[in-house]
Amino acid sequence: MELENLIMELLVHAGSARSHALAALRQARADDFDAAETSQQAARVAIGAAHRLQTELIGLDEGSGKLPVTLIVVHAQDHLMNAMLIQDLAADIIALYRRLPYAGEQYA
């Protein structure tokens, strides 16, 4: 049961990070860079929590295949990797939005 809880918690944090990163993009597109930064920070916190859980799972496995590789484990890893990718891309896209004279209505 412990393993299932860790995996589900990993999924929750990764999903939260993804949602916050996408919210940051929407906020930046609307020229609300303060809100975008707040959302980006929330995404970073969620990624950190998910990464700590991933590290704990890796530690439990000890590199020896002790943990079963189930579809839910693969799904959780996929969520985390996607969240990390979206977070990285969001930071770059938001930096580009900041260079535009006014992004709000033109790109909303």
PDB file of N, CA and C in Angstrom:
ATOM      1  N   MET A   1       0.823  -1.199   0.000  1.00  0.00           N
ATOM      2  CA  MET A   1       0.000   0.000   0.000  1.00  0.00           C
ATOM      3  C   MET A   1       0.863   1.258   0.000  1.00  0.00           C
ATOM      4  N   GLU A   2       1.969   1.214   0.706  1.00  0.00           N
ATOM      5  CA  GLU A   2       2.889   2.353   0.743  1.00  0.00           C
ATOM      6  C   GLU A   2       3.311   2.747  -0.667  1.00  0.00           C
ATOM      7  N   LEU A   3       3.659   1.786  -1.486  1.00  0.00           N
ATOM      8  CA  LEU A   3       4.100   2.063  -2.849  1.00  0.00           C
ATOM      9  C   LEU A   3       2.993   2.751  -3.642  1.00  0.00           C
ATOM     10  N   GLU A   4       1.777   2.256  -3.536  1.00  0.00           N
ATOM     11  CA  GLU A   4       0.659   2.861  -4.255  1.00  0.00           C
ATOM     12  C   GLU A   4       0.446   4.310  -3.833  1.00  0.00           C
ATOM     13  N   ASN A   5       0.566   4.584  -2.549  1.00  0.00           N
ATOM     14  CA  ASN A   5       0.402   5.950  -2.053  1.00  0.00           C
ATOM     15  C   ASN A   5       1.487   6.878  -2.603  1.00  0.00           C
ATOM     16  N   LEU A   6       2.714   6.397  -2.633  1.00  0.00           N
ATOM     17  CA  LEU A   6       3.807   7.205  -3.181  1.00  0.00           C
ATOM     18  C   LEU A   6       3.558   7.529  -4.652  1.00  0.00           C
ATOM     19  N   ILE A   7       3.130   6.545  -5.388  1.00  0.00           N
ATOM     20  CA  ILE A   7       2.893   6.731  -6.821  1.00  0.00           C
ATOM     21  C   ILE A   7       1.731   7.693  -7.049  1.00  0.00           C
ATOM     22  N   MET A   8       0.661   7.544  -6.279  1.00  0.00           N
ATOM     23  CA  MET A   8      -0.481   8.439  -6.436  1.00  0.00           C
ATOM     24  C   MET A   8      -0.113   9.866  -6.050  1.00  0.00           C
ATOM     25  N   GLU A   9       0.685  10.019  -5.001  1.00  0.00           N
ATOM     26  CA  GLU A   9       1.128  11.344  -4.595  1.00  0.00           C
ATOM     27  C   GLU A   9       2.015  11.968  -5.673  1.00  0.00           C
ATOM     28  N   LEU A  10       2.861  11.159  -6.280  1.00  0.00           N
ATOM     29  CA  LEU A  10       3.691  11.627  -7.389  1.00  0.00           C
ATOM     30  C   LEU A  10       2.812  12.135  -8.531  1.00  0.00           C
ATOM     31  N   LEU A  11       1.777  11.391  -8.850  1.00  0.00           N
ATOM     32  CA  LEU A  11       0.848  11.804  -9.903  1.00  0.00           C
ATOM     33  C   LEU A  11       0.170  13.133  -9.566  1.00  0.00           C
ATOM     34  N   VAL A  12      -0.259  13.268  -8.323  1.00  0.00           N
ATOM     35  CA  VAL A  12      -0.945  14.496  -7.907  1.00  0.00           C
ATOM     36  C   VAL A  12      -0.025  15.700  -8.034  1.00  0.00           C
ATOM     37  N   HIS A  13       1.200  15.580  -7.526  1.00  0.00           N
ATOM     38  CA  HIS A  13       2.132  16.706  -7.589  1.00  0.00           C
ATOM     39  C   HIS A  13       2.526  17.029  -9.026  1.00  0.00           C
ATOM     40  N   ALA A  14       2.744  16.015  -9.837  1.00  0.00           N
ATOM     41  CA  ALA A  14       3.090  16.257 -11.240  1.00  0.00           C
ATOM     42  C   ALA A  14       1.932  16.931 -11.975  1.00  0.00           C
ATOM     43  N   GLY A  15       0.715  16.470 -11.732  1.00  0.00           N
ATOM     44  CA  GLY A  15      -0.451  17.092 -12.357  1.00  0.00           C
ATOM     45  C   GLY A  15      -0.636  18.531 -11.913  1.00  0.00           C
ATOM     46  N   SER A  16      -0.396  18.782 -10.639  1.00  0.00           N
ATOM     47  CA  SER A  16      -0.488  20.138 -10.118  1.00  0.00           C
ATOM     48  C   SER A  16       0.559  21.037 -10.765  1.00  0.00           C
ATOM     49  N   ALA A  17       1.762  20.549 -10.906  1.00  0.00           N
ATOM     50  CA  ALA A  17       2.830  21.326 -11.541  1.00  0.00           C
ATOM     51  C   ALA A  17       2.458  21.666 -12.976  1.00  0.00           C
ATOM     52  N   ARG A  18       1.934  20.703 -13.692  1.00  0.00           N
ATOM     53  CA  ARG A  18       1.517  20.927 -15.078  1.00  0.00           C
ATOM     54  C   ARG A  18       0.435  22.001 -15.137  1.00  0.00           C
ATOM     55  N   SER A  19      -0.551  21.888 -14.276  1.00  0.00           N
ATOM     56  CA  SER A  19      -1.647  22.861 -14.254  1.00  0.00           C
ATOM     57  C   SER A  19      -1.149  24.269 -13.943  1.00  0.00           C
ATOM     58  N   HIS A  20      -0.253  24.382 -12.975  1.00  0.00           N
ATOM     59  CA  HIS A  20       0.288  25.698 -12.626  1.00  0.00           C
ATOM     60  C   HIS A  20       1.113  26.284 -13.774  1.00  0.00           C
ATOM     61  N   ALA A  21       1.901  25.457 -14.433  1.00  0.00           N
ATOM     62  CA  ALA A  21       2.719  25.948 -15.548  1.00  0.00           C
ATOM     63  C   ALA A  21       1.841  26.422 -16.705  1.00  0.00           C
ATOM     64  N   LEU A  22       0.782  25.683 -16.994  1.00  0.00           N
ATOM     65  CA  LEU A  22      -0.125  26.102 -18.060  1.00  0.00           C
ATOM     66  C   LEU A  22      -0.887  27.361 -17.667  1.00  0.00           C
ATOM     67  N   ALA A  23      -1.237  27.482 -16.396  1.00  0.00           N
ATOM     68  CA  ALA A  23      -1.884  28.710 -15.918  1.00  0.00           C
ATOM     69  C   ALA A  23      -0.940  29.892 -16.090  1.00  0.00           C
ATOM     70  N   ALA A  24       0.327  29.692 -15.783  1.00  0.00           N
ATOM     71  CA  ALA A  24       1.316  30.764 -15.947  1.00  0.00           C
ATOM     72  C   ALA A  24       1.379  31.224 -17.395  1.00  0.00           C
ATOM     73  N   LEU A  25       1.312  30.299 -18.326  1.00  0.00           N
ATOM     74  CA  LEU A  25       1.311  30.674 -19.744  1.00  0.00           C
ATOM     75  C   LEU A  25       0.086  31.514 -20.098  1.00  0.00           C
ATOM     76  N   ARG A  26      -1.082  31.084 -19.634  1.00  0.00           N
ATOM     77  CA  ARG A  26      -2.307  31.847 -19.912  1.00  0.00           C
ATOM     78  C   ARG A  26      -2.219  33.252 -19.298  1.00  0.00           C
ATOM     79  N   GLN A  27      -1.699  33.328 -18.090  1.00  0.00           N
ATOM     80  CA  GLN A  27      -1.591  34.622 -17.414  1.00  0.00           C
ATOM     81  C   GLN A  27      -0.605  35.539 -18.131  1.00  0.00           C
ATOM     82  N   ALA A  28       0.503  35.004 -18.559  1.00  0.00           N
ATOM     83  CA  ALA A  28       1.486  35.811 -19.293  1.00  0.00           C
ATOM     84  C   ALA A  28       0.911  36.277 -20.623  1.00  0.00           C
ATOM     85  N   ARG A  29       0.168  35.399 -21.277  1.00  0.00           N
ATOM     86  CA  ARG A  29      -0.446  35.769 -22.551  1.00  0.00           C
ATOM     87  C   ARG A  29      -1.416  36.937 -22.361  1.00  0.00           C
ATOM     88  N   ALA A  30      -2.026  37.016 -21.168  1.00  0.00           N
ATOM     89  CA  ALA A  30      -2.942  38.110 -20.849  1.00  0.00           C
ATOM     90  C   ALA A  30      -2.213  39.303 -20.238  1.00  0.00           C
ATOM     91  N   ASP A  31      -0.906  39.280 -20.253  1.00  0.00           N
ATOM     92  CA  ASP A  31      -0.064  40.358 -19.727  1.00  0.00           C
ATOM     93  C   ASP A  31      -0.108  40.473 -18.203  1.00  0.00           C
ATOM     94  N   ASP A  32      -0.459  39.407 -17.523  1.00  0.00           N
ATOM     95  CA  ASP A  32      -0.484  39.416 -16.052  1.00  0.00           C
ATOM     96  C   ASP A  32       0.758  38.665 -15.558  1.00  0.00           C
ATOM     97  N   PHE A  33       1.897  39.335 -15.625  1.00  0.00           N
ATOM     98  CA  PHE A  33       3.165  38.687 -15.331  1.00  0.00           C
ATOM     99  C   PHE A  33       3.366  38.423 -13.839  1.00  0.00           C
ATOM    100  N   ASP A  34       2.725  39.206 -12.984  1.00  0.00           N
ATOM    101  CA  ASP A  34       2.811  38.935 -11.548  1.00  0.00           C
ATOM    102  C   ASP A  34       2.123  37.608 -11.227  1.00  0.00           C
ATOM    103  N   ALA A  35       0.937  37.423 -11.773  1.00  0.00           N
ATOM    104  CA  ALA A  35       0.216  36.156 -11.567  1.00  0.00           C
ATOM    105  C   ALA A  35       0.980  35.002 -12.201  1.00  0.00           C
ATOM    106  N   ALA A  36       1.564  35.252 -13.362  1.00  0.00           N
ATOM    107  CA  ALA A  36       2.340  34.207 -14.045  1.00  0.00           C
ATOM    108  C   ALA A  36       3.515  33.762 -13.190  1.00  0.00           C
ATOM    109  N   GLU A  37       4.191  34.714 -12.555  1.00  0.00           N
ATOM    110  CA  GLU A  37       5.322  34.362 -11.690  1.00  0.00           C
ATOM    111  C   GLU A  37       4.855  33.558 -10.483  1.00  0.00           C
ATOM    112  N   THR A  38       3.711  33.936  -9.923  1.00  0.00           N
ATOM    113  CA  THR A  38       3.155  33.181  -8.794  1.00  0.00           C
ATOM    114  C   THR A  38       2.840  31.747  -9.217  1.00  0.00           C
ATOM    115  N   SER A  39       2.256  31.592 -10.391  1.00  0.00           N
ATOM    116  CA  SER A  39       1.943  30.250 -10.895  1.00  0.00           C
ATOM    117  C   SER A  39       3.205  29.457 -11.208  1.00  0.00           C
ATOM    118  N   GLN A  40       4.208  30.132 -11.754  1.00  0.00           N
ATOM    119  CA  GLN A  40       5.472  29.447 -12.023  1.00  0.00           C
ATOM    120  C   GLN A  40       6.111  28.967 -10.716  1.00  0.00           C
ATOM    121  N   GLN A  41       6.045  29.784  -9.685  1.00  0.00           N
ATOM    122  CA  GLN A  41       6.602  29.375  -8.394  1.00  0.00           C
ATOM    123  C   GLN A  41       5.840  28.176  -7.845  1.00  0.00           C
ATOM    124  N   ALA A  42       4.527  28.178  -7.969  1.00  0.00           N
ATOM    125  CA  ALA A  42       3.730  27.033  -7.515  1.00  0.00           C
ATOM    126  C   ALA A  42       4.099  25.777  -8.302  1.00  0.00           C
ATOM    127  N   ALA A  43       4.362  25.943  -9.592  1.00  0.00           N
ATOM    128  CA  ALA A  43       4.784  24.804 -10.418  1.00  0.00           C
ATOM    129  C   ALA A  43       6.131  24.271  -9.940  1.00  0.00           C
ATOM    130  N   ARG A  44       7.053  25.184  -9.615  1.00  0.00           N
ATOM    131  CA  ARG A  44       8.370  24.749  -9.132  1.00  0.00           C
ATOM    132  C   ARG A  44       8.254  23.978  -7.812  1.00  0.00           C
ATOM    133  N   VAL A  45       7.392  24.448  -6.934  1.00  0.00           N
ATOM    134  CA  VAL A  45       7.187  23.762  -5.647  1.00  0.00           C
ATOM    135  C   VAL A  45       6.618  22.358  -5.883  1.00  0.00           C
ATOM    136  N   ALA A  46       5.625  22.262  -6.757  1.00  0.00           N
ATOM    137  CA  ALA A  46       5.016  20.959  -7.044  1.00  0.00           C
ATOM    138  C   ALA A  46       6.011  20.011  -7.719  1.00  0.00           C
ATOM    139  N   ILE A  47       6.821  20.531  -8.633  1.00  0.00           N
ATOM    140  CA  ILE A  47       7.855  19.707  -9.274  1.00  0.00           C
ATOM    141  C   ILE A  47       8.840  19.215  -8.227  1.00  0.00           C
ATOM    142  N   GLY A  48       9.217  20.087  -7.310  1.00  0.00           N
ATOM    143  CA  GLY A  48      10.142  19.683  -6.244  1.00  0.00           C
ATOM    144  C   GLY A  48       9.579  18.553  -5.404  1.00  0.00           C
ATOM    145  N   ALA A  49       8.295  18.664  -5.048  1.00  0.00           N
ATOM    146  CA  ALA A  49       7.656  17.610  -4.259  1.00  0.00           C
ATOM    147  C   ALA A  49       7.599  16.306  -5.051  1.00  0.00           C
ATOM    148  N   ALA A  50       7.238  16.405  -6.326  1.00  0.00           N
ATOM    149  CA  ALA A  50       7.175  15.207  -7.166  1.00  0.00           C
ATOM    150  C   ALA A  50       8.554  14.585  -7.328  1.00  0.00           C
ATOM    151  N   HIS A  51       9.561  15.417  -7.503  1.00  0.00           N
ATOM    152  CA  HIS A  51      10.919  14.907  -7.680  1.00  0.00           C
ATOM    153  C   HIS A  51      11.413  14.200  -6.421  1.00  0.00           C
ATOM    154  N   ARG A  52      11.069  14.743  -5.253  1.00  0.00           N
ATOM    155  CA  ARG A  52      11.452  14.073  -3.994  1.00  0.00           C
ATOM    156  C   ARG A  52      10.802  12.688  -3.892  1.00  0.00           C
ATOM    157  N   LEU A  53       9.546  12.593  -4.310  1.00  0.00           N
ATOM    158  CA  LEU A  53       8.870  11.291  -4.298  1.00  0.00           C
ATOM    159  C   LEU A  53       9.523  10.337  -5.291  1.00  0.00           C
ATOM    160  N   GLN A  54       9.865  10.849  -6.463  1.00  0.00           N
ATOM    161  CA  GLN A  54      10.540  10.017  -7.456  1.00  0.00           C
ATOM    162  C   GLN A  54      11.861   9.494  -6.894  1.00  0.00           C
ATOM    163  N   THR A  55      12.600  10.354  -6.223  1.00  0.00           N
ATOM    164  CA  THR A  55      13.871   9.954  -5.621  1.00  0.00           C
ATOM    165  C   THR A  55      13.646   8.884  -4.558  1.00  0.00           C
ATOM    166  N   GLU A  56      12.580   9.034  -3.789  1.00  0.00           N
ATOM    167  CA  GLU A  56      12.255   8.023  -2.778  1.00  0.00           C
ATOM    168  C   GLU A  56      11.939   6.677  -3.432  1.00  0.00           C
ATOM    169  N   LEU A  57      11.201   6.711  -4.519  1.00  0.00           N
ATOM    170  CA  LEU A  57      10.887   5.473  -5.242  1.00  0.00           C
ATOM    171  C   LEU A  57      12.155   4.829  -5.799  1.00  0.00           C
ATOM    172  N   ILE A  58      13.040   5.632  -6.326  1.00  0.00           N
ATOM    173  CA  ILE A  58      14.307   5.109  -6.852  1.00  0.00           C
ATOM    174  C   ILE A  58      15.111   4.479  -5.723  1.00  0.00           C
ATOM    175  N   GLY A  59      15.098   5.123  -4.567  1.00  0.00           N
ATOM    176  CA  GLY A  59      15.805   4.578  -3.407  1.00  0.00           C
ATOM    177  C   GLY A  59      15.225   3.250  -2.954  1.00  0.00           C
ATOM    178  N   LEU A  60      13.911   3.128  -2.998  1.00  0.00           N
ATOM    179  CA  LEU A  60      13.274   1.862  -2.616  1.00  0.00           C
ATOM    180  C   LEU A  60      13.660   0.741  -3.577  1.00  0.00           C
ATOM    181  N   ASP A  61      13.816   1.094  -4.828  1.00  0.00           N
ATOM    182  CA  ASP A  61      14.171   0.100  -5.837  1.00  0.00           C
ATOM    183  C   ASP A  61      15.638  -0.303  -5.740  1.00  0.00           C
ATOM    184  N   GLU A  62      16.488   0.600  -5.295  1.00  0.00           N
ATOM    185  CA  GLU A  62      17.924   0.366  -5.145  1.00  0.00           C
ATOM    186  C   GLU A  62      18.595  -0.105  -6.428  1.00  0.00           C
ATOM    187  N   GLY A  63      18.003   0.232  -7.566  1.00  0.00           N
ATOM    188  CA  GLY A  63      18.604  -0.137  -8.843  1.00  0.00           C
ATOM    189  C   GLY A  63      18.611  -1.626  -9.125  1.00  0.00           C
ATOM    190  N   SER A  64      17.843  -2.374  -8.344  1.00  0.00           N
ATOM    191  CA  SER A  64      17.896  -3.828  -8.511  1.00  0.00           C
ATOM    192  C   SER A  64      16.567  -4.426  -8.957  1.00  0.00           C
ATOM    193  N   GLY A  65      15.635  -3.595  -9.387  1.00  0.00           N
ATOM    194  CA  GLY A  65      14.360  -4.114  -9.868  1.00  0.00           C
ATOM    195  C   GLY A  65      13.448  -4.615  -8.767  1.00  0.00           C
ATOM    196  N   LYS A  66      13.585  -4.061  -7.555  1.00  0.00           N
ATOM    197  CA  LYS A  66      12.734  -4.488  -6.442  1.00  0.00           C
ATOM    198  C   LYS A  66      11.290  -4.029  -6.621  1.00  0.00           C
ATOM    199  N   LEU A  67      11.114  -2.896  -7.278  1.00  0.00           N
ATOM    200  CA  LEU A  67       9.761  -2.381  -7.475  1.00  0.00           C
ATOM    201  C   LEU A  67       9.211  -2.871  -8.805  1.00  0.00           C
ATOM    202  N   PRO A  68       7.950  -3.286  -8.801  1.00  0.00           N
ATOM    203  CA  PRO A  68       7.357  -3.725 -10.072  1.00  0.00           C
ATOM    204  C   PRO A  68       7.119  -2.524 -10.991  1.00  0.00           C
ATOM    205  N   VAL A  69       7.410  -2.697 -12.251  1.00  0.00           N
ATOM    206  CA  VAL A  69       7.161  -1.652 -13.228  1.00  0.00           C
ATOM    207  C   VAL A  69       5.768  -1.897 -13.790  1.00  0.00           C
ATOM    208  N   THR A  70       4.809  -1.179 -13.216  1.00  0.00           N
ATOM    209  CA  THR A  70       3.417  -1.321 -13.623  1.00  0.00           C
ATOM    210  C   THR A  70       3.031  -0.147 -14.511  1.00  0.00           C
ATOM    211  N   LEU A  71       1.872  -0.257 -15.096  1.00  0.00           N
ATOM    212  CA  LEU A  71       1.385   0.820 -15.953  1.00  0.00           C
ATOM    213  C   LEU A  71       1.236   2.120 -15.158  1.00  0.00           C
ATOM    214  N   ILE A  72       0.812   2.051 -13.908  1.00  0.00           N
ATOM    215  CA  ILE A  72       0.636   3.259 -13.105  1.00  0.00           C
ATOM    216  C   ILE A  72       1.986   3.908 -12.782  1.00  0.00           C
ATOM    217  N   VAL A  73       3.020   3.116 -12.595  1.00  0.00           N
ATOM    218  CA  VAL A  73       4.359   3.671 -12.363  1.00  0.00           C
ATOM    219  C   VAL A  73       4.836   4.401 -13.624  1.00  0.00           C
ATOM    220  N   VAL A  74       4.651   3.787 -14.752  1.00  0.00           N
ATOM    221  CA  VAL A  74       5.043   4.406 -16.021  1.00  0.00           C
ATOM    222  C   VAL A  74       4.224   5.669 -16.249  1.00  0.00           C
ATOM    223  N   HIS A  75       2.952   5.610 -15.937  1.00  0.00           N
ATOM    224  CA  HIS A  75       2.068   6.761 -16.082  1.00  0.00           C
ATOM    225  C   HIS A  75       2.534   7.919 -15.196  1.00  0.00           C
ATOM    226  N   ALA A  76       2.892   7.625 -13.967  1.00  0.00           N
ATOM    227  CA  ALA A  76       3.371   8.650 -13.035  1.00  0.00           C
ATOM    228  C   ALA A  76       4.659   9.280 -13.549  1.00  0.00           C
ATOM    229  N   GLN A  77       5.573   8.458 -14.029  1.00  0.00           N
ATOM    230  CA  GLN A  77       6.834   8.979 -14.577  1.00  0.00           C
ATOM    231  C   GLN A  77       6.567   9.858 -15.797  1.00  0.00           C
ATOM    232  N   ASP A  78       5.632   9.435 -16.628  1.00  0.00           N
ATOM    233  CA  ASP A  78       5.268  10.199 -17.816  1.00  0.00           C
ATOM    234  C   ASP A  78       4.703  11.564 -17.414  1.00  0.00           C
ATOM    235  N   HIS A  79       3.836  11.579 -16.411  1.00  0.00           N
ATOM    236  CA  HIS A  79       3.274  12.841 -15.922  1.00  0.00           C
ATOM    237  C   HIS A  79       4.379  13.769 -15.421  1.00  0.00           C
ATOM    238  N   LEU A  80       5.308  13.224 -14.670  1.00  0.00           N
ATOM    239  CA  LEU A  80       6.386  14.046 -14.131  1.00  0.00           C
ATOM    240  C   LEU A  80       7.250  14.623 -15.252  1.00  0.00           C
ATOM    241  N   MET A  81       7.634  13.804 -16.192  1.00  0.00           N
ATOM    242  CA  MET A  81       8.482  14.285 -17.282  1.00  0.00           C
ATOM    243  C   MET A  81       7.754  15.350 -18.112  1.00  0.00           C
ATOM    244  N   ASN A  82       6.459  15.136 -18.368  1.00  0.00           N
ATOM    245  CA  ASN A  82       5.696  16.141 -19.107  1.00  0.00           C
ATOM    246  C   ASN A  82       5.590  17.445 -18.323  1.00  0.00           C
ATOM    247  N   ALA A  83       5.364  17.350 -17.031  1.00  0.00           N
ATOM    248  CA  ALA A  83       5.268  18.549 -16.198  1.00  0.00           C
ATOM    249  C   ALA A  83       6.583  19.315 -16.215  1.00  0.00           C
ATOM    250  N   MET A  84       7.688  18.598 -16.134  1.00  0.00           N
ATOM    251  CA  MET A  84       8.999  19.254 -16.156  1.00  0.00           C
ATOM    252  C   MET A  84       9.245  19.929 -17.503  1.00  0.00           C
ATOM    253  N   LEU A  85       8.868  19.263 -18.572  1.00  0.00           N
ATOM    254  CA  LEU A  85       9.035  19.837 -19.908  1.00  0.00           C
ATOM    255  C   LEU A  85       8.168  21.075 -20.078  1.00  0.00           C
ATOM    256  N   ILE A  86       6.912  20.999 -19.659  1.00  0.00           N
ATOM    257  CA  ILE A  86       6.017  22.147 -19.775  1.00  0.00           C
ATOM    258  C   ILE A  86       6.536  23.311 -18.940  1.00  0.00           C
ATOM    259  N   GLN A  87       7.037  23.009 -17.764  1.00  0.00           N
ATOM    260  CA  GLN A  87       7.574  24.060 -16.896  1.00  0.00           C
ATOM    261  C   GLN A  87       8.744  24.772 -17.587  1.00  0.00           C
ATOM    262  N   ASP A  88       9.653  24.026 -18.161  1.00  0.00           N
ATOM    263  CA  ASP A  88      10.801  24.612 -18.850  1.00  0.00           C
ATOM    264  C   ASP A  88      10.370  25.448 -20.057  1.00  0.00           C
ATOM    265  N   LEU A  89       9.466  24.898 -20.853  1.00  0.00           N
ATOM    266  CA  LEU A  89       9.002  25.631 -22.030  1.00  0.00           C
ATOM    267  C   LEU A  89       8.208  26.870 -21.629  1.00  0.00           C
ATOM    268  N   ALA A  90       7.411  26.758 -20.590  1.00  0.00           N
ATOM    269  CA  ALA A  90       6.623  27.903 -20.127  1.00  0.00           C
ATOM    270  C   ALA A  90       7.542  29.055 -19.736  1.00  0.00           C
ATOM    271  N   ALA A  91       8.623  28.750 -19.050  1.00  0.00           N
ATOM    272  CA  ALA A  91       9.560  29.809 -18.644  1.00  0.00           C
ATOM    273  C   ALA A  91      10.115  30.539 -19.865  1.00  0.00           C
ATOM    274  N   ASP A  92      10.460  29.807 -20.896  1.00  0.00           N
ATOM    275  CA  ASP A  92      10.995  30.427 -22.108  1.00  0.00           C
ATOM    276  C   ASP A  92       9.921  31.224 -22.855  1.00  0.00           C
ATOM    277  N   ILE A  93       8.723  30.676 -22.945  1.00  0.00           N
ATOM    278  CA  ILE A  93       7.650  31.370 -23.656  1.00  0.00           C
ATOM    279  C   ILE A  93       7.254  32.641 -22.905  1.00  0.00           C
ATOM    280  N   ILE A  94       7.208  32.565 -21.586  1.00  0.00           N
ATOM    281  CA  ILE A  94       6.872  33.749 -20.790  1.00  0.00           C
ATOM    282  C   ILE A  94       7.938  34.828 -20.980  1.00  0.00           C
ATOM    283  N   ALA A  95       9.186  34.419 -21.053  1.00  0.00           N
ATOM    284  CA  ALA A  95      10.253  35.396 -21.314  1.00  0.00           C
ATOM    285  C   ALA A  95      10.037  36.071 -22.667  1.00  0.00           C
ATOM    286  N   LEU A  96       9.572  35.329 -23.640  1.00  0.00           N
ATOM    287  CA  LEU A  96       9.279  35.922 -24.947  1.00  0.00           C
ATOM    288  C   LEU A  96       8.087  36.872 -24.863  1.00  0.00           C
ATOM    289  N   TYR A  97       7.041  36.476 -24.126  1.00  0.00           N
ATOM    290  CA  TYR A  97       5.887  37.367 -23.946  1.00  0.00           C
ATOM    291  C   TYR A  97       6.309  38.688 -23.313  1.00  0.00           C
ATOM    292  N   ARG A  98       7.253  38.623 -22.397  1.00  0.00           N
ATOM    293  CA  ARG A  98       7.712  39.852 -21.729  1.00  0.00           C
ATOM    294  C   ARG A  98       8.360  40.820 -22.723  1.00  0.00           C
ATOM    295  N   ARG A  99       8.875  40.315 -23.817  1.00  0.00           N
ATOM    296  CA  ARG A  99       9.529  41.164 -24.822  1.00  0.00           C
ATOM    297  C   ARG A  99       8.531  41.875 -25.733  1.00  0.00           C
ATOM    298  N   LEU A 100       7.305  41.356 -25.767  1.00  0.00           N
ATOM    299  CA  LEU A 100       6.293  41.956 -26.636  1.00  0.00           C
ATOM    300  C   LEU A 100       5.792  43.258 -26.023  1.00  0.00           C
ATOM    301  N   PRO A 101       5.484  44.240 -26.867  1.00  0.00           N
ATOM    302  CA  PRO A 101       5.014  45.512 -26.328  1.00  0.00           C
ATOM    303  C   PRO A 101       3.695  45.364 -25.576  1.00  0.00           C
ATOM    304  N   TYR A 102       2.795  44.542 -26.083  1.00  0.00           N
ATOM    305  CA  TYR A 102       1.543  44.266 -25.380  1.00  0.00           C
ATOM    306  C   TYR A 102       1.015  42.946 -25.902  1.00  0.00           C
ATOM    307  N   ALA A 103       0.968  41.944 -25.047  1.00  0.00           N
ATOM    308  CA  ALA A 103       0.564  40.613 -25.471  1.00  0.00           C
ATOM    309  C   ALA A 103      -0.913  40.366 -25.270  1.00  0.00           C
ATOM    310  N   GLY A 104      -1.520  41.021 -24.305  1.00  0.00           N
ATOM    311  CA  GLY A 104      -2.877  40.761 -23.845  1.00  0.00           C
ATOM    312  C   GLY A 104      -3.896  40.432 -24.913  1.00  0.00           C
ATOM    313  N   GLU A 105      -4.394  41.424 -25.612  1.00  0.00           N
ATOM    314  CA  GLU A 105      -5.492  41.178 -26.537  1.00  0.00           C
ATOM    315  C   GLU A 105      -5.040  40.520 -27.833  1.00  0.00           C
ATOM    316  N   GLN A 106      -3.839  40.837 -28.253  1.00  0.00           N
ATOM    317  CA  GLN A 106      -3.359  40.296 -29.523  1.00  0.00           C
ATOM    318  C   GLN A 106      -3.227  38.779 -29.491  1.00  0.00           C
ATOM    319  N   TYR A 107      -2.859  38.216 -28.341  1.00  0.00           N
ATOM    320  CA  TYR A 107      -2.579  36.786 -28.269  1.00  0.00           C
ATOM    321  C   TYR A 107      -3.535  36.032 -27.360  1.00  0.00           C
ATOM    322  N   ALA A 108      -4.505  36.678 -26.805  1.00  0.00           N
ATOM    323  CA  ALA A 108      -5.423  36.036 -25.848  1.00  0.00           C
ATOM    324  C   ALA A 108      -6.332  35.038 -26.510  1.00  0.00           C
TER     325      ALA A 108
END
